[in-house]
Amino acid sequence: MSKKQTERSVLSNTNSVAVLVYLHRAGGSSKVSYILESIKNYNSIKSAGSRLEEAYLITITEHTGRSGYFLYELTDLGRSVAQHLDAAERVIGGDPPECGKMPTNHGASSEQRDQVG
């Protein structure tokens, strides 16, 4: 078995999915202090953030100064992953995403669809 097959996905680690979904729902970026209001454990957020950054799903920027803070931002890859995770969480929670965004013909032409019916 290769190293790639034995490694755990970053998404299987504690709070990785929660951070990604939070950032997606927050418009793509957030200060850690706001994420903390939802997840409630700074060390867990920090650990998840480090792993997500290593996987190129987020960037972490430290803003120094009088009221310094860390800003977590989704990368393009992170935005795509977070969008799918958010949709999955909504379906599981009984709040499915808009049906209009889901293709229903799966590439079939109108003639092919008529033949099936």
PDB file of N, CA and C in Angstrom:
ATOM      1  N   MET A   1       0.849  -1.186   0.000  1.00  0.00           N
ATOM      2  CA  MET A   1       0.000   0.000   0.000  1.00  0.00           C
ATOM      3  C   MET A   1       0.890   1.243   0.000  1.00  0.00           C
ATOM      4  N   SER A   2       0.589   2.191  -0.838  1.00  0.00           N
ATOM      5  CA  SER A   2       1.417   3.389  -0.938  1.00  0.00           C
ATOM      6  C   SER A   2       1.163   4.331   0.231  1.00  0.00           C
ATOM      7  N   LYS A   3       2.101   5.245   0.428  1.00  0.00           N
ATOM      8  CA  LYS A   3       1.979   6.241   1.501  1.00  0.00           C
ATOM      9  C   LYS A   3       0.697   7.047   1.320  1.00  0.00           C
ATOM     10  N   LYS A   4       0.381   7.391   0.063  1.00  0.00           N
ATOM     11  CA  LYS A   4      -0.810   8.192  -0.233  1.00  0.00           C
ATOM     12  C   LYS A   4      -2.076   7.461   0.227  1.00  0.00           C
ATOM     13  N   GLN A   5      -2.129   6.139   0.070  1.00  0.00           N
ATOM     14  CA  GLN A   5      -3.298   5.362   0.444  1.00  0.00           C
ATOM     15  C   GLN A   5      -3.446   5.229   1.956  1.00  0.00           C
ATOM     16  N   THR A   6      -2.341   5.269   2.691  1.00  0.00           N
ATOM     17  CA  THR A   6      -2.407   5.080   4.130  1.00  0.00           C
ATOM     18  C   THR A   6      -2.597   6.388   4.892  1.00  0.00           C
ATOM     19  N   GLU A   7      -2.363   7.528   4.252  1.00  0.00           N
ATOM     20  CA  GLU A   7      -2.536   8.816   4.912  1.00  0.00           C
ATOM     21  C   GLU A   7      -4.013   9.140   5.081  1.00  0.00           C
ATOM     22  N   ARG A   8      -4.340   9.747   6.209  1.00  0.00           N
ATOM     23  CA  ARG A   8      -5.706  10.192   6.431  1.00  0.00           C
ATOM     24  C   ARG A   8      -5.944  11.478   5.675  1.00  0.00           C
ATOM     25  N   SER A   9      -7.150  11.643   5.212  1.00  0.00           N
ATOM     26  CA  SER A   9      -7.533  12.881   4.552  1.00  0.00           C
ATOM     27  C   SER A   9      -7.551  14.004   5.573  1.00  0.00           C
ATOM     28  N   VAL A  10      -7.183  15.191   5.155  1.00  0.00           N
ATOM     29  CA  VAL A  10      -7.231  16.351   6.044  1.00  0.00           C
ATOM     30  C   VAL A  10      -8.662  16.557   6.548  1.00  0.00           C
ATOM     31  N   LEU A  11      -9.635  16.145   5.763  1.00  0.00           N
ATOM     32  CA  LEU A  11     -11.031  16.331   6.158  1.00  0.00           C
ATOM     33  C   LEU A  11     -11.455  15.401   7.291  1.00  0.00           C
ATOM     34  N   SER A  12     -10.693  14.335   7.527  1.00  0.00           N
ATOM     35  CA  SER A  12     -11.043  13.411   8.606  1.00  0.00           C
ATOM     36  C   SER A  12     -10.550  13.906   9.970  1.00  0.00           C
ATOM     37  N   ASN A  13      -9.751  14.954   9.979  1.00  0.00           N
ATOM     38  CA  ASN A  13      -9.240  15.495  11.234  1.00  0.00           C
ATOM     39  C   ASN A  13     -10.273  16.401  11.909  1.00  0.00           C
ATOM     40  N   THR A  14     -10.205  16.469  13.218  1.00  0.00           N
ATOM     41  CA  THR A  14     -11.139  17.236  14.028  1.00  0.00           C
ATOM     42  C   THR A  14     -11.273  18.672  13.552  1.00  0.00           C
ATOM     43  N   ASN A  15     -12.481  19.092  13.330  1.00  0.00           N
ATOM     44  CA  ASN A  15     -12.897  20.460  12.982  1.00  0.00           C
ATOM     45  C   ASN A  15     -12.453  20.965  11.617  1.00  0.00           C
ATOM     46  N   SER A  16     -11.826  20.130  10.805  1.00  0.00           N
ATOM     47  CA  SER A  16     -11.455  20.582   9.463  1.00  0.00           C
ATOM     48  C   SER A  16     -12.686  20.937   8.646  1.00  0.00           C
ATOM     49  N   VAL A  17     -13.669  20.050   8.645  1.00  0.00           N
ATOM     50  CA  VAL A  17     -14.903  20.305   7.891  1.00  0.00           C
ATOM     51  C   VAL A  17     -15.632  21.507   8.479  1.00  0.00           C
ATOM     52  N   ALA A  18     -15.684  21.589   9.801  1.00  0.00           N
ATOM     53  CA  ALA A  18     -16.381  22.703  10.452  1.00  0.00           C
ATOM     54  C   ALA A  18     -15.772  24.049  10.062  1.00  0.00           C
ATOM     55  N   VAL A  19     -14.446  24.126  10.009  1.00  0.00           N
ATOM     56  CA  VAL A  19     -13.780  25.378   9.632  1.00  0.00           C
ATOM     57  C   VAL A  19     -14.079  25.713   8.174  1.00  0.00           C
ATOM     58  N   LEU A  20     -13.985  24.731   7.290  1.00  0.00           N
ATOM     59  CA  LEU A  20     -14.252  24.982   5.871  1.00  0.00           C
ATOM     60  C   LEU A  20     -15.689  25.444   5.647  1.00  0.00           C
ATOM     61  N   VAL A  21     -16.644  24.762   6.272  1.00  0.00           N
ATOM     62  CA  VAL A  21     -18.054  25.134   6.104  1.00  0.00           C
ATOM     63  C   VAL A  21     -18.303  26.516   6.697  1.00  0.00           C
ATOM     64  N   TYR A  22     -17.707  26.801   7.849  1.00  0.00           N
ATOM     65  CA  TYR A  22     -17.871  28.126   8.453  1.00  0.00           C
ATOM     66  C   TYR A  22     -17.368  29.204   7.492  1.00  0.00           C
ATOM     67  N   LEU A  23     -16.176  28.997   6.929  1.00  0.00           N
ATOM     68  CA  LEU A  23     -15.612  29.990   6.014  1.00  0.00           C
ATOM     69  C   LEU A  23     -16.484  30.150   4.770  1.00  0.00           C
ATOM     70  N   HIS A  24     -17.005  29.056   4.265  1.00  0.00           N
ATOM     71  CA  HIS A  24     -17.876  29.137   3.088  1.00  0.00           C
ATOM     72  C   HIS A  24     -19.110  29.973   3.397  1.00  0.00           C
ATOM     73  N   ARG A  25     -19.739  29.700   4.528  1.00  0.00           N
ATOM     74  CA  ARG A  25     -20.953  30.424   4.901  1.00  0.00           C
ATOM     75  C   ARG A  25     -20.661  31.873   5.259  1.00  0.00           C
ATOM     76  N   ALA A  26     -19.414  32.165   5.632  1.00  0.00           N
ATOM     77  CA  ALA A  26     -19.020  33.541   5.979  1.00  0.00           C
ATOM     78  C   ALA A  26     -18.550  34.315   4.748  1.00  0.00           C
ATOM     79  N   GLY A  27     -18.671  33.725   3.578  1.00  0.00           N
ATOM     80  CA  GLY A  27     -18.285  34.430   2.364  1.00  0.00           C
ATOM     81  C   GLY A  27     -16.852  34.181   1.916  1.00  0.00           C
ATOM     82  N   GLY A  28     -16.171  33.244   2.558  1.00  0.00           N
ATOM     83  CA  GLY A  28     -14.824  32.877   2.114  1.00  0.00           C
ATOM     84  C   GLY A  28     -13.697  33.253   3.045  1.00  0.00           C
ATOM     85  N   SER A  29     -13.956  34.131   4.016  1.00  0.00           N
ATOM     86  CA  SER A  29     -12.886  34.495   4.946  1.00  0.00           C
ATOM     87  C   SER A  29     -13.477  34.920   6.291  1.00  0.00           C
ATOM     88  N   SER A  30     -12.645  34.793   7.310  1.00  0.00           N
ATOM     89  CA  SER A  30     -13.098  35.181   8.646  1.00  0.00           C
ATOM     90  C   SER A  30     -11.903  35.297   9.579  1.00  0.00           C
ATOM     91  N   LYS A  31     -12.054  36.174  10.558  1.00  0.00           N
ATOM     92  CA  LYS A  31     -11.095  36.226  11.648  1.00  0.00           C
ATOM     93  C   LYS A  31     -11.290  34.985  12.510  1.00  0.00           C
ATOM     94  N   VAL A  32     -10.205  34.493  13.089  1.00  0.00           N
ATOM     95  CA  VAL A  32     -10.277  33.324  13.948  1.00  0.00           C
ATOM     96  C   VAL A  32     -11.225  33.574  15.126  1.00  0.00           C
ATOM     97  N   SER A  33     -11.265  34.796  15.631  1.00  0.00           N
ATOM     98  CA  SER A  33     -12.127  35.090  16.784  1.00  0.00           C
ATOM     99  C   SER A  33     -13.599  34.837  16.463  1.00  0.00           C
ATOM    100  N   TYR A  34     -14.005  35.037  15.206  1.00  0.00           N
ATOM    101  CA  TYR A  34     -15.398  34.765  14.823  1.00  0.00           C
ATOM    102  C   TYR A  34     -15.640  33.264  14.691  1.00  0.00           C
ATOM    103  N   ILE A  35     -14.652  32.547  14.158  1.00  0.00           N
ATOM    104  CA  ILE A  35     -14.771  31.093  14.049  1.00  0.00           C
ATOM    105  C   ILE A  35     -14.866  30.498  15.456  1.00  0.00           C
ATOM    106  N   LEU A  36     -14.133  31.082  16.376  1.00  0.00           N
ATOM    107  CA  LEU A  36     -14.120  30.612  17.766  1.00  0.00           C
ATOM    108  C   LEU A  36     -15.511  30.665  18.393  1.00  0.00           C
ATOM    109  N   GLU A  37     -16.322  31.630  18.004  1.00  0.00           N
ATOM    110  CA  GLU A  37     -17.685  31.715  18.528  1.00  0.00           C
ATOM    111  C   GLU A  37     -18.495  30.486  18.151  1.00  0.00           C
ATOM    112  N   SER A  38     -18.179  29.867  17.020  1.00  0.00           N
ATOM    113  CA  SER A  38     -18.901  28.693  16.556  1.00  0.00           C
ATOM    114  C   SER A  38     -18.280  27.387  17.049  1.00  0.00           C
ATOM    115  N   ILE A  39     -16.965  27.290  16.983  1.00  0.00           N
ATOM    116  CA  ILE A  39     -16.286  26.032  17.300  1.00  0.00           C
ATOM    117  C   ILE A  39     -15.875  25.931  18.762  1.00  0.00           C
ATOM    118  N   LYS A  40     -15.649  27.028  19.419  1.00  0.00           N
ATOM    119  CA  LYS A  40     -15.426  27.101  20.871  1.00  0.00           C
ATOM    120  C   LYS A  40     -14.085  26.591  21.394  1.00  0.00           C
ATOM    121  N   ASN A  41     -13.153  26.193  20.527  1.00  0.00           N
ATOM    122  CA  ASN A  41     -11.876  25.693  21.009  1.00  0.00           C
ATOM    123  C   ASN A  41     -10.751  26.250  20.147  1.00  0.00           C
ATOM    124  N   TYR A  42     -10.031  27.214  20.672  1.00  0.00           N
ATOM    125  CA  TYR A  42      -8.996  27.909  19.904  1.00  0.00           C
ATOM    126  C   TYR A  42      -7.921  26.950  19.407  1.00  0.00           C
ATOM    127  N   ASN A  43      -7.433  26.066  20.278  1.00  0.00           N
ATOM    128  CA  ASN A  43      -6.361  25.154  19.867  1.00  0.00           C
ATOM    129  C   ASN A  43      -6.817  24.228  18.740  1.00  0.00           C
ATOM    130  N   SER A  44      -8.063  23.804  18.783  1.00  0.00           N
ATOM    131  CA  SER A  44      -8.603  22.949  17.728  1.00  0.00           C
ATOM    132  C   SER A  44      -8.697  23.704  16.406  1.00  0.00           C
ATOM    133  N   ILE A  45      -9.123  24.956  16.462  1.00  0.00           N
ATOM    134  CA  ILE A  45      -9.197  25.788  15.255  1.00  0.00           C
ATOM    135  C   ILE A  45      -7.795  25.998  14.688  1.00  0.00           C
ATOM    136  N   LYS A  46      -6.852  26.280  15.566  1.00  0.00           N
ATOM    137  CA  LYS A  46      -5.471  26.516  15.145  1.00  0.00           C
ATOM    138  C   LYS A  46      -4.882  25.266  14.487  1.00  0.00           C
ATOM    139  N   SER A  47      -5.127  24.099  15.073  1.00  0.00           N
ATOM    140  CA  SER A  47      -4.629  22.844  14.497  1.00  0.00           C
ATOM    141  C   SER A  47      -5.281  22.560  13.150  1.00  0.00           C
ATOM    142  N   ALA A  48      -6.599  22.713  13.098  1.00  0.00           N
ATOM    143  CA  ALA A  48      -7.318  22.493  11.846  1.00  0.00           C
ATOM    144  C   ALA A  48      -6.831  23.474  10.788  1.00  0.00           C
ATOM    145  N   GLY A  49      -6.642  24.724  11.170  1.00  0.00           N
ATOM    146  CA  GLY A  49      -6.166  25.740  10.237  1.00  0.00           C
ATOM    147  C   GLY A  49      -4.811  25.384   9.654  1.00  0.00           C
ATOM    148  N   SER A  50      -3.909  24.926  10.490  1.00  0.00           N
ATOM    149  CA  SER A  50      -2.570  24.546  10.015  1.00  0.00           C
ATOM    150  C   SER A  50      -2.650  23.404   9.008  1.00  0.00           C
ATOM    151  N   ARG A  51      -3.461  22.398   9.317  1.00  0.00           N
ATOM    152  CA  ARG A  51      -3.605  21.259   8.394  1.00  0.00           C
ATOM    153  C   ARG A  51      -4.254  21.695   7.078  1.00  0.00           C
ATOM    154  N   LEU A  52      -5.277  22.545   7.177  1.00  0.00           N
ATOM    155  CA  LEU A  52      -5.967  23.017   5.970  1.00  0.00           C
ATOM    156  C   LEU A  52      -5.050  23.876   5.102  1.00  0.00           C
ATOM    157  N   GLU A  53      -4.185  24.648   5.752  1.00  0.00           N
ATOM    158  CA  GLU A  53      -3.234  25.467   5.004  1.00  0.00           C
ATOM    159  C   GLU A  53      -2.206  24.572   4.309  1.00  0.00           C
ATOM    160  N   GLU A  54      -1.737  23.536   4.991  1.00  0.00           N
ATOM    161  CA  GLU A  54      -0.788  22.594   4.382  1.00  0.00           C
ATOM    162  C   GLU A  54      -1.401  21.892   3.176  1.00  0.00           C
ATOM    163  N   ALA A  55      -2.727  21.694   3.195  1.00  0.00           N
ATOM    164  CA  ALA A  55      -3.428  21.031   2.094  1.00  0.00           C
ATOM    165  C   ALA A  55      -3.867  22.028   1.022  1.00  0.00           C
ATOM    166  N   TYR A  56      -3.462  23.287   1.152  1.00  0.00           N
ATOM    167  CA  TYR A  56      -3.782  24.356   0.195  1.00  0.00           C
ATOM    168  C   TYR A  56      -5.278  24.657   0.089  1.00  0.00           C
ATOM    169  N   LEU A  57      -6.007  24.419   1.179  1.00  0.00           N
ATOM    170  CA  LEU A  57      -7.438  24.705   1.189  1.00  0.00           C
ATOM    171  C   LEU A  57      -7.733  26.090   1.749  1.00  0.00           C
ATOM    172  N   ILE A  58      -6.843  26.603   2.604  1.00  0.00           N
ATOM    173  CA  ILE A  58      -6.992  27.958   3.140  1.00  0.00           C
ATOM    174  C   ILE A  58      -5.629  28.638   3.170  1.00  0.00           C
ATOM    175  N   THR A  59      -5.670  29.959   3.310  1.00  0.00           N
ATOM    176  CA  THR A  59      -4.465  30.716   3.626  1.00  0.00           C
ATOM    177  C   THR A  59      -4.703  31.371   4.981  1.00  0.00           C
ATOM    178  N   ILE A  60      -3.644  31.518   5.733  1.00  0.00           N
ATOM    179  CA  ILE A  60      -3.722  32.166   7.042  1.00  0.00           C
ATOM    180  C   ILE A  60      -2.814  33.386   6.987  1.00  0.00           C
ATOM    181  N   THR A  61      -3.389  34.530   7.289  1.00  0.00           N
ATOM    182  CA  THR A  61      -2.630  35.773   7.297  1.00  0.00           C
ATOM    183  C   THR A  61      -2.689  36.373   8.685  1.00  0.00           C
ATOM    184  N   GLU A  62      -1.521  36.679   9.232  1.00  0.00           N
ATOM    185  CA  GLU A  62      -1.461  37.338  10.537  1.00  0.00           C
ATOM    186  C   GLU A  62      -1.430  38.846  10.313  1.00  0.00           C
ATOM    187  N   HIS A  63      -2.377  39.523  10.917  1.00  0.00           N
ATOM    188  CA  HIS A  63      -2.416  40.982  10.865  1.00  0.00           C
ATOM    189  C   HIS A  63      -1.932  41.489  12.214  1.00  0.00           C
ATOM    190  N   THR A  64      -0.804  42.167  12.180  1.00  0.00           N
ATOM    191  CA  THR A  64      -0.219  42.663  13.419  1.00  0.00           C
ATOM    192  C   THR A  64      -0.673  44.096  13.667  1.00  0.00           C
ATOM    193  N   GLY A  65      -0.342  44.570  14.814  1.00  0.00           N
ATOM    194  CA  GLY A  65      -0.722  45.937  15.155  1.00  0.00           C
ATOM    195  C   GLY A  65      -1.444  45.958  16.484  1.00  0.00           C
ATOM    196  N   ARG A  66      -2.086  47.049  16.725  1.00  0.00           N
ATOM    197  CA  ARG A  66      -2.758  47.265  18.007  1.00  0.00           C
ATOM    198  C   ARG A  66      -3.780  46.172  18.313  1.00  0.00           C
ATOM    199  N   SER A  67      -4.605  45.842  17.351  1.00  0.00           N
ATOM    200  CA  SER A  67      -5.569  44.758  17.553  1.00  0.00           C
ATOM    201  C   SER A  67      -5.300  43.672  16.515  1.00  0.00           C
ATOM    202  N   GLY A  68      -4.190  42.960  16.711  1.00  0.00           N
ATOM    203  CA  GLY A  68      -3.776  41.919  15.778  1.00  0.00           C
ATOM    204  C   GLY A  68      -4.762  40.765  15.740  1.00  0.00           C
ATOM    205  N   TYR A  69      -4.782  40.081  14.613  1.00  0.00           N
ATOM    206  CA  TYR A  69      -5.679  38.944  14.450  1.00  0.00           C
ATOM    207  C   TYR A  69      -5.166  38.067  13.321  1.00  0.00           C
ATOM    208  N   PHE A  70      -5.690  36.843  13.267  1.00  0.00           N
ATOM    209  CA  PHE A  70      -5.408  35.927  12.177  1.00  0.00           C
ATOM    210  C   PHE A  70      -6.637  35.872  11.281  1.00  0.00           C
ATOM    211  N   LEU A  71      -6.408  35.933   9.978  1.00  0.00           N
ATOM    212  CA  LEU A  71      -7.491  35.853   9.007  1.00  0.00           C
ATOM    213  C   LEU A  71      -7.347  34.547   8.240  1.00  0.00           C
ATOM    214  N   TYR A  72      -8.401  33.740   8.252  1.00  0.00           N
ATOM    215  CA  TYR A  72      -8.443  32.508   7.469  1.00  0.00           C
ATOM    216  C   TYR A  72      -9.238  32.800   6.208  1.00  0.00           C
ATOM    217  N   GLU A  73      -8.678  32.414   5.053  1.00  0.00           N
ATOM    218  CA  GLU A  73      -9.353  32.633   3.770  1.00  0.00           C
ATOM    219  C   GLU A  73      -9.312  31.357   2.940  1.00  0.00           C
ATOM    220  N   LEU A  74     -10.421  31.028   2.311  1.00  0.00           N
ATOM    221  CA  LEU A  74     -10.471  29.880   1.425  1.00  0.00           C
ATOM    222  C   LEU A  74      -9.657  30.158   0.161  1.00  0.00           C
ATOM    223  N   THR A  75      -8.909  29.169  -0.297  1.00  0.00           N
ATOM    224  CA  THR A  75      -8.275  29.237  -1.609  1.00  0.00           C
ATOM    225  C   THR A  75      -9.338  28.831  -2.631  1.00  0.00           C
ATOM    226  N   ASP A  76      -9.008  28.882  -3.907  1.00  0.00           N
ATOM    227  CA  ASP A  76      -9.962  28.428  -4.920  1.00  0.00           C
ATOM    228  C   ASP A  76     -10.322  26.956  -4.694  1.00  0.00           C
ATOM    229  N   LEU A  77      -9.316  26.139  -4.410  1.00  0.00           N
ATOM    230  CA  LEU A  77      -9.568  24.732  -4.127  1.00  0.00           C
ATOM    231  C   LEU A  77     -10.422  24.591  -2.868  1.00  0.00           C
ATOM    232  N   GLY A  78     -10.067  25.336  -1.829  1.00  0.00           N
ATOM    233  CA  GLY A  78     -10.824  25.290  -0.577  1.00  0.00           C
ATOM    234  C   GLY A  78     -12.264  25.719  -0.759  1.00  0.00           C
ATOM    235  N   ARG A  79     -12.491  26.719  -1.598  1.00  0.00           N
ATOM    236  CA  ARG A  79     -13.849  27.196  -1.871  1.00  0.00           C
ATOM    237  C   ARG A  79     -14.680  26.089  -2.520  1.00  0.00           C
ATOM    238  N   SER A  80     -14.086  25.380  -3.470  1.00  0.00           N
ATOM    239  CA  SER A  80     -14.781  24.284  -4.141  1.00  0.00           C
ATOM    240  C   SER A  80     -15.113  23.161  -3.168  1.00  0.00           C
ATOM    241  N   VAL A  81     -14.133  22.759  -2.363  1.00  0.00           N
ATOM    242  CA  VAL A  81     -14.349  21.697  -1.376  1.00  0.00           C
ATOM    243  C   VAL A  81     -15.397  22.133  -0.353  1.00  0.00           C
ATOM    244  N   ALA A  82     -15.272  23.347   0.154  1.00  0.00           N
ATOM    245  CA  ALA A  82     -16.199  23.849   1.172  1.00  0.00           C
ATOM    246  C   ALA A  82     -17.626  23.937   0.639  1.00  0.00           C
ATOM    247  N   GLN A  83     -17.771  24.302  -0.616  1.00  0.00           N
ATOM    248  CA  GLN A  83     -19.103  24.387  -1.220  1.00  0.00           C
ATOM    249  C   GLN A  83     -19.780  23.016  -1.206  1.00  0.00           C
ATOM    250  N   HIS A  84     -19.045  21.977  -1.557  1.00  0.00           N
ATOM    251  CA  HIS A  84     -19.598  20.623  -1.564  1.00  0.00           C
ATOM    252  C   HIS A  84     -19.891  20.135  -0.142  1.00  0.00           C
ATOM    253  N   LEU A  85     -19.002  20.432   0.785  1.00  0.00           N
ATOM    254  CA  LEU A  85     -19.221  20.029   2.173  1.00  0.00           C
ATOM    255  C   LEU A  85     -20.439  20.729   2.765  1.00  0.00           C
ATOM    256  N   ASP A  86     -20.584  22.013   2.461  1.00  0.00           N
ATOM    257  CA  ASP A  86     -21.740  22.771   2.948  1.00  0.00           C
ATOM    258  C   ASP A  86     -23.027  22.177   2.387  1.00  0.00           C
ATOM    259  N   ALA A  87     -23.036  21.861   1.095  1.00  0.00           N
ATOM    260  CA  ALA A  87     -24.225  21.265   0.481  1.00  0.00           C
ATOM    261  C   ALA A  87     -24.551  19.932   1.135  1.00  0.00           C
ATOM    262  N   ALA A  88     -23.540  19.121   1.398  1.00  0.00           N
ATOM    263  CA  ALA A  88     -23.758  17.827   2.050  1.00  0.00           C
ATOM    264  C   ALA A  88     -24.327  18.012   3.450  1.00  0.00           C
ATOM    265  N   GLU A  89     -23.782  18.955   4.207  1.00  0.00           N
ATOM    266  CA  GLU A  89     -24.295  19.202   5.562  1.00  0.00           C
ATOM    267  C   GLU A  89     -25.739  19.682   5.533  1.00  0.00           C
ATOM    268  N   ARG A  90     -26.081  20.495   4.541  1.00  0.00           N
ATOM    269  CA  ARG A  90     -27.458  20.982   4.432  1.00  0.00           C
ATOM    270  C   ARG A  90     -28.421  19.839   4.102  1.00  0.00           C
ATOM    271  N   VAL A  91     -28.012  18.939   3.226  1.00  0.00           N
ATOM    272  CA  VAL A  91     -28.858  17.793   2.885  1.00  0.00           C
ATOM    273  C   VAL A  91     -29.055  16.915   4.112  1.00  0.00           C
ATOM    274  N   ILE A  92     -27.980  16.627   4.820  1.00  0.00           N
ATOM    275  CA  ILE A  92     -28.066  15.800   6.027  1.00  0.00           C
ATOM    276  C   ILE A  92     -28.956  16.466   7.068  1.00  0.00           C
ATOM    277  N   GLY A  93     -28.881  17.794   7.159  1.00  0.00           N
ATOM    278  CA  GLY A  93     -29.686  18.534   8.127  1.00  0.00           C
ATOM    279  C   GLY A  93     -31.120  18.777   7.689  1.00  0.00           C
ATOM    280  N   GLY A  94     -31.493  18.277   6.499  1.00  0.00           N
ATOM    281  CA  GLY A  94     -32.867  18.431   6.043  1.00  0.00           C
ATOM    282  C   GLY A  94     -33.129  19.718   5.291  1.00  0.00           C
ATOM    283  N   ASP A  95     -32.073  20.449   4.922  1.00  0.00           N
ATOM    284  CA  ASP A  95     -32.215  21.701   4.194  1.00  0.00           C
ATOM    285  C   ASP A  95     -31.458  21.571   2.878  1.00  0.00           C
ATOM    286  N   PRO A  96     -32.024  20.836   1.896  1.00  0.00           N
ATOM    287  CA  PRO A  96     -31.284  20.591   0.661  1.00  0.00           C
ATOM    288  C   PRO A  96     -31.010  21.867  -0.113  1.00  0.00           C
ATOM    289  N   PRO A  97     -29.907  21.870  -0.882  1.00  0.00           N
ATOM    290  CA  PRO A  97     -29.600  23.033  -1.720  1.00  0.00           C
ATOM    291  C   PRO A  97     -30.677  23.188  -2.789  1.00  0.00           C
ATOM    292  N   GLU A  98     -30.669  24.336  -3.440  1.00  0.00           N
ATOM    293  CA  GLU A  98     -31.670  24.598  -4.470  1.00  0.00           C
ATOM    294  C   GLU A  98     -31.606  23.536  -5.556  1.00  0.00           C
ATOM    295  N   CYS A  99     -32.761  22.985  -5.877  1.00  0.00           N
ATOM    296  CA  CYS A  99     -32.811  21.925  -6.882  1.00  0.00           C
ATOM    297  C   CYS A  99     -32.428  22.431  -8.257  1.00  0.00           C
ATOM    298  N   GLY A 100     -32.668  23.696  -8.550  1.00  0.00           N
ATOM    299  CA  GLY A 100     -32.372  24.247  -9.862  1.00  0.00           C
ATOM    300  C   GLY A 100     -30.903  24.169 -10.225  1.00  0.00           C
ATOM    301  N   LYS A 101     -30.029  24.016  -9.234  1.00  0.00           N
ATOM    302  CA  LYS A 101     -28.594  23.958  -9.507  1.00  0.00           C
ATOM    303  C   LYS A 101     -28.132  22.543  -9.843  1.00  0.00           C
ATOM    304  N   MET A 102     -28.996  21.559  -9.622  1.00  0.00           N
ATOM    305  CA  MET A 102     -28.620  20.178  -9.847  1.00  0.00           C
ATOM    306  C   MET A 102     -29.089  19.740 -11.230  1.00  0.00           C
ATOM    307  N   PRO A 103     -28.198  19.195 -12.083  1.00  0.00           N
ATOM    308  CA  PRO A 103     -28.633  18.741 -13.396  1.00  0.00           C
ATOM    309  C   PRO A 103     -29.524  17.512 -13.255  1.00  0.00           C
ATOM    310  N   THR A 104     -30.557  17.448 -14.051  1.00  0.00           N
ATOM    311  CA  THR A 104     -31.464  16.302 -13.978  1.00  0.00           C
ATOM    312  C   THR A 104     -31.458  15.479 -15.253  1.00  0.00           C
ATOM    313  N   ASN A 105     -30.890  15.996 -16.330  1.00  0.00           N
ATOM    314  CA  ASN A 105     -30.905  15.233 -17.576  1.00  0.00           C
ATOM    315  C   ASN A 105     -29.633  14.410 -17.770  1.00  0.00           C
ATOM    316  N   HIS A 106     -28.609  14.648 -16.992  1.00  0.00           N
ATOM    317  CA  HIS A 106     -27.350  13.896 -17.018  1.00  0.00           C
ATOM    318  C   HIS A 106     -26.771  13.792 -18.422  1.00  0.00           C
ATOM    319  N   GLY A 107     -26.941  14.841 -19.217  1.00  0.00           N
ATOM    320  CA  GLY A 107     -26.342  14.900 -20.541  1.00  0.00           C
ATOM    321  C   GLY A 107     -27.181  14.307 -21.653  1.00  0.00           C
ATOM    322  N   ALA A 108     -28.357  13.823 -21.349  1.00  0.00           N
ATOM    323  CA  ALA A 108     -29.203  13.219 -22.383  1.00  0.00           C
ATOM    324  C   ALA A 108     -29.847  14.303 -23.235  1.00  0.00           C
ATOM    325  N   SER A 109     -29.961  14.022 -24.523  1.00  0.00           N
ATOM    326  CA  SER A 109     -30.669  14.946 -25.412  1.00  0.00           C
ATOM    327  C   SER A 109     -32.168  14.785 -25.178  1.00  0.00           C
ATOM    328  N   SER A 110     -32.969  15.716 -25.700  1.00  0.00           N
ATOM    329  CA  SER A 110     -34.421  15.614 -25.530  1.00  0.00           C
ATOM    330  C   SER A 110     -34.954  14.351 -26.195  1.00  0.00           C
ATOM    331  N   GLU A 111     -34.353  13.924 -27.333  1.00  0.00           N
ATOM    332  CA  GLU A 111     -34.784  12.692 -27.983  1.00  0.00           C
ATOM    333  C   GLU A 111     -34.495  11.479 -27.109  1.00  0.00           C
ATOM    334  N   GLN A 112     -33.321  11.465 -26.476  1.00  0.00           N
ATOM    335  CA  GLN A 112     -32.962  10.339 -25.610  1.00  0.00           C
ATOM    336  C   GLN A 112     -33.887  10.283 -24.390  1.00  0.00           C
ATOM    337  N   ARG A 113     -34.211  11.443 -23.839  1.00  0.00           N
ATOM    338  CA  ARG A 113     -35.121  11.458 -22.684  1.00  0.00           C
ATOM    339  C   ARG A 113     -36.503  10.955 -23.079  1.00  0.00           C
ATOM    340  N   ASP A 114     -36.976  11.303 -24.288  1.00  0.00           N
ATOM    341  CA  ASP A 114     -38.285  10.855 -24.748  1.00  0.00           C
ATOM    342  C   ASP A 114     -38.324   9.362 -24.939  1.00  0.00           C
ATOM    343  N   GLN A 115     -37.197   8.759 -25.357  1.00  0.00           N
ATOM    344  CA  GLN A 115     -37.149   7.310 -25.577  1.00  0.00           C
ATOM    345  C   GLN A 115     -37.240   6.547 -24.259  1.00  0.00           C
ATOM    346  N   VAL A 116     -36.705   7.112 -23.189  1.00  0.00           N
ATOM    347  CA  VAL A 116     -36.737   6.456 -21.885  1.00  0.00           C
ATOM    348  C   VAL A 116     -38.148   6.452 -21.326  1.00  0.00           C
ATOM    349  N   GLY A 117     -38.864   7.581 -21.497  1.00  0.00           N
ATOM    350  CA  GLY A 117     -40.197   7.740 -20.917  1.00  0.00           C
ATOM    351  C   GLY A 117     -41.208   6.961 -21.626  1.00  0.00           C
TER     352      GLY A 117
END
